[in-house]
Amino acid sequence: MRRVKLDRIDRRILRDLQGDGRMTNVELARRAGISAPPCLRRVRALEEAGFIRGYHADINPEALGYGVTVFAHVGLTSQAEADLKKFEELVNSWPLVRECNMLAGETDFLLKIVAEDWDSYQRFLTTKLTSAPNVSHVKSALAIRTSKALPGVPIDTEIGDLPEDEEELEEED
């Protein structure tokens, strides 16, 4: 990702799209205080620079029959880079695993797993996860409820511009 200078308008565009990726360009431009053509140019520049990685629908897991969310703390027998990569590749092939984060500390990976119910999670645990090569132990934590789940990162639209040594996205306002 190339380094770019984000101004308040860019940060407002990012914040608003993060909150509602289906927002029309006209509405996005109105909120940013600019006209639609430069807004669209800014969005495309933010996409090309890697700030915007994609657009996704927020799907209700329960509506599709996934009533259980489990966070699995996974320890591996080897932390050699090749073994870490093999584990990550295997995890990427499991649709029930929605997130995989490598951690520093006594747990090597934290997986967010969805399942229809506790029994289906246990089947996944015993047939896939604990039997996977290099897995030494798994500690499961069942999520009781989610009280906060925000996408992305906090974006402050009131701070000043980023340092001057970075490239400007585009000057068109």
Protein backbone atom coordinates (compact mmCIF):
# COMPACT_ATOMS: atom_id res chain seq x y z
CA MET A 1 0.00 0.00 0.00
CA ARG A 2 1.46 3.33 -0.98
CA ARG A 3 1.55 6.03 1.67
CA VAL A 4 -0.91 8.83 1.12
CA LYS A 5 -1.96 11.92 2.99
CA LEU A 6 -5.55 11.73 4.22
CA ASP A 7 -7.41 14.95 4.78
CA ARG A 8 -10.64 15.42 6.74
CA ILE A 9 -12.76 14.73 3.66
CA ASP A 10 -10.98 11.42 2.99
CA ARG A 11 -11.42 10.37 6.62
CA ARG A 12 -15.10 11.34 6.54
CA ILE A 13 -15.57 9.28 3.36
CA LEU A 14 -13.86 6.30 5.00
CA ARG A 15 -15.93 6.65 8.17
CA ASP A 16 -19.21 6.93 6.29
CA LEU A 17 -18.49 4.02 3.93
CA GLN A 18 -17.37 1.89 6.87
CA GLY A 19 -20.74 2.54 8.50
CA ASP A 20 -22.75 1.94 5.32
CA GLY A 21 -20.98 0.49 2.29
CA ARG A 22 -24.18 0.72 0.22
CA MET A 23 -24.43 4.48 0.54
CA THR A 24 -24.83 6.18 -2.83
CA ASN A 25 -22.03 8.36 -4.08
CA VAL A 26 -24.41 11.34 -4.06
CA GLU A 27 -25.21 10.83 -0.36
CA LEU A 28 -21.53 10.21 0.44
CA ALA A 29 -20.56 13.42 -1.35
CA ARG A 30 -23.28 15.37 0.48
CA ARG A 31 -22.02 14.14 3.84
CA ALA A 32 -18.42 14.92 2.90
CA GLY A 33 -19.36 18.42 1.74
CA ILE A 34 -18.14 17.99 -1.84
CA SER A 35 -19.76 17.29 -5.20
CA ALA A 36 -20.29 13.77 -6.54
CA PRO A 37 -17.53 13.56 -9.23
CA PRO A 38 -14.62 14.45 -6.90
CA CYS A 39 -16.14 12.20 -4.24
CA LEU A 40 -16.10 9.26 -6.63
CA ARG A 41 -12.49 10.05 -7.61
CA ARG A 42 -11.54 10.10 -3.93
CA VAL A 43 -13.26 6.76 -3.28
CA ARG A 44 -11.45 5.17 -6.22
CA ALA A 45 -8.13 6.62 -5.02
CA LEU A 46 -8.79 5.27 -1.50
CA GLU A 47 -9.53 1.84 -3.01
CA GLU A 48 -6.37 1.91 -5.16
CA ALA A 49 -4.26 3.01 -2.18
CA GLY A 50 -5.53 0.03 -0.18
CA PHE A 51 -7.53 1.92 2.45
CA ILE A 52 -10.76 0.32 1.21
CA ARG A 53 -10.33 -3.44 0.87
CA GLY A 54 -13.89 -4.34 -0.12
CA TYR A 55 -17.60 -4.02 0.55
CA HIS A 56 -19.55 -6.62 2.51
CA ALA A 57 -23.03 -7.34 3.79
CA ASP A 58 -23.42 -7.87 7.55
CA ILE A 59 -25.20 -11.22 7.69
CA ASN A 60 -27.13 -12.33 10.80
CA PRO A 61 -25.61 -15.74 11.71
CA GLU A 62 -28.70 -16.87 13.65
CA ALA A 63 -30.93 -16.20 10.64
CA LEU A 64 -28.88 -18.77 8.71
CA GLY A 65 -28.88 -21.30 11.53
CA TYR A 66 -25.52 -20.51 13.15
CA GLY A 67 -26.53 -20.19 16.80
CA VAL A 68 -23.11 -20.76 18.38
CA THR A 69 -19.96 -18.67 18.26
CA VAL A 70 -16.82 -20.09 19.83
CA PHE A 71 -13.40 -18.54 20.29
CA ALA A 72 -10.79 -21.29 20.14
CA HIS A 73 -7.32 -20.70 21.59
CA VAL A 74 -5.02 -22.98 19.60
CA GLY A 75 -1.51 -24.01 20.60
CA LEU A 76 0.86 -25.57 18.07
CA THR A 77 3.75 -27.95 18.70
CA SER A 78 5.98 -25.97 16.33
CA GLN A 79 6.10 -22.26 15.62
CA ALA A 80 8.44 -22.54 12.65
CA GLU A 81 7.26 -20.23 9.88
CA ALA A 82 6.56 -23.12 7.50
CA ASP A 83 4.38 -24.82 10.14
CA LEU A 84 2.52 -21.59 10.91
CA LYS A 85 1.79 -21.08 7.20
CA LYS A 86 0.56 -24.68 6.82
CA PHE A 87 -1.81 -24.21 9.75
CA GLU A 88 -3.10 -20.92 8.33
CA GLU A 89 -3.68 -22.54 4.92
CA LEU A 90 -5.62 -25.37 6.56
CA VAL A 91 -7.71 -22.92 8.61
CA ASN A 92 -8.51 -20.99 5.42
CA SER A 93 -10.12 -24.16 4.01
CA TRP A 94 -12.60 -24.41 6.93
CA PRO A 95 -15.73 -22.30 6.28
CA LEU A 96 -16.82 -22.39 9.95
CA VAL A 97 -13.68 -20.44 10.92
CA ARG A 98 -14.54 -16.80 10.33
CA GLU A 99 -11.39 -15.21 11.78
CA CYS A 100 -7.89 -16.45 12.42
CA ASN A 101 -5.44 -14.31 14.37
CA MET A 102 -1.88 -15.28 15.25
CA LEU A 103 -1.06 -14.11 18.78
CA ALA A 104 2.00 -13.44 20.89
CA GLY A 105 1.95 -15.27 24.19
CA GLU A 106 0.95 -18.74 25.30
CA THR A 107 -1.75 -19.13 22.61
CA ASP A 108 -0.50 -19.31 19.04
CA PHE A 109 -3.83 -18.63 17.28
CA LEU A 110 -7.25 -17.33 18.21
CA LEU A 111 -10.01 -18.61 15.93
CA LYS A 112 -13.55 -17.29 15.74
CA ILE A 113 -15.76 -20.20 14.78
CA VAL A 114 -19.49 -20.29 14.05
CA ALA A 115 -21.53 -23.47 14.24
CA GLU A 116 -25.19 -24.45 14.15
CA ASP A 117 -25.08 -25.68 17.74
CA TRP A 118 -22.69 -26.96 20.40
CA ASP A 119 -22.77 -30.52 19.02
CA SER A 120 -21.76 -29.38 15.53
CA TYR A 121 -18.92 -27.32 17.04
CA GLN A 122 -17.73 -30.39 18.95
CA ARG A 123 -17.77 -32.44 15.73
CA PHE A 124 -15.68 -29.74 14.03
CA LEU A 125 -13.36 -29.64 17.04
CA THR A 126 -12.72 -33.38 17.12
CA THR A 127 -12.71 -34.15 13.40
CA LYS A 128 -10.90 -31.09 12.07
CA LEU A 129 -9.23 -28.82 14.61
CA THR A 130 -7.70 -31.08 17.25
CA SER A 131 -6.78 -33.69 14.65
CA ALA A 132 -4.98 -31.15 12.45
CA PRO A 133 -1.22 -31.57 12.07
CA ASN A 134 0.88 -29.59 14.56
CA VAL A 135 -2.05 -28.76 16.91
CA SER A 136 -1.05 -29.50 20.51
CA HIS A 137 -4.05 -28.11 22.38
CA VAL A 138 -7.29 -26.20 21.98
CA LYS A 139 -9.17 -24.25 24.63
CA SER A 140 -12.72 -23.33 23.66
CA ALA A 141 -14.61 -20.28 24.92
CA LEU A 142 -18.32 -20.18 24.10
CA ALA A 143 -19.63 -16.68 23.38
CA ILE A 144 -22.74 -15.99 25.45
CA ARG A 145 -23.70 -12.79 23.66
CA THR A 146 -22.16 -9.99 21.65
CA SER A 147 -22.78 -6.53 23.04
CA LYS A 148 -20.52 -4.69 20.59
CA ALA A 149 -19.36 -5.60 17.10
CA LEU A 150 -18.19 -2.66 15.04
CA PRO A 151 -16.55 -3.10 11.64
CA GLY A 152 -13.17 -1.63 10.85
CA VAL A 153 -11.37 0.95 12.95
CA PRO A 154 -12.23 4.25 14.65
CA ILE A 155 -11.82 7.14 12.21
CA ASP A 156 -11.49 10.62 13.68
CA THR A 157 -12.67 13.20 11.17
CA GLU A 158 -11.85 16.17 13.38
CA ILE A 159 -8.06 15.77 13.61
CA GLY A 160 -5.69 17.66 11.36
CA ASP A 161 -4.13 16.31 8.22
CA LEU A 162 -1.49 13.59 8.43
CA PRO A 163 2.21 14.58 8.21
CA GLU A 164 3.35 16.45 5.12
CA ASP A 165 5.90 13.79 4.06
CA GLU A 166 3.12 11.64 2.65
CA GLU A 167 1.69 11.81 -0.85
CA GLU A 168 -1.64 13.61 -1.34
CA LEU A 169 -4.47 11.38 -2.63
CA GLU A 170 -5.82 13.97 -5.04
CA GLU A 171 -6.42 17.70 -5.15
CA GLU A 172 -9.76 18.49 -6.71
CA ASP A 173 -11.86 20.56 -4.32
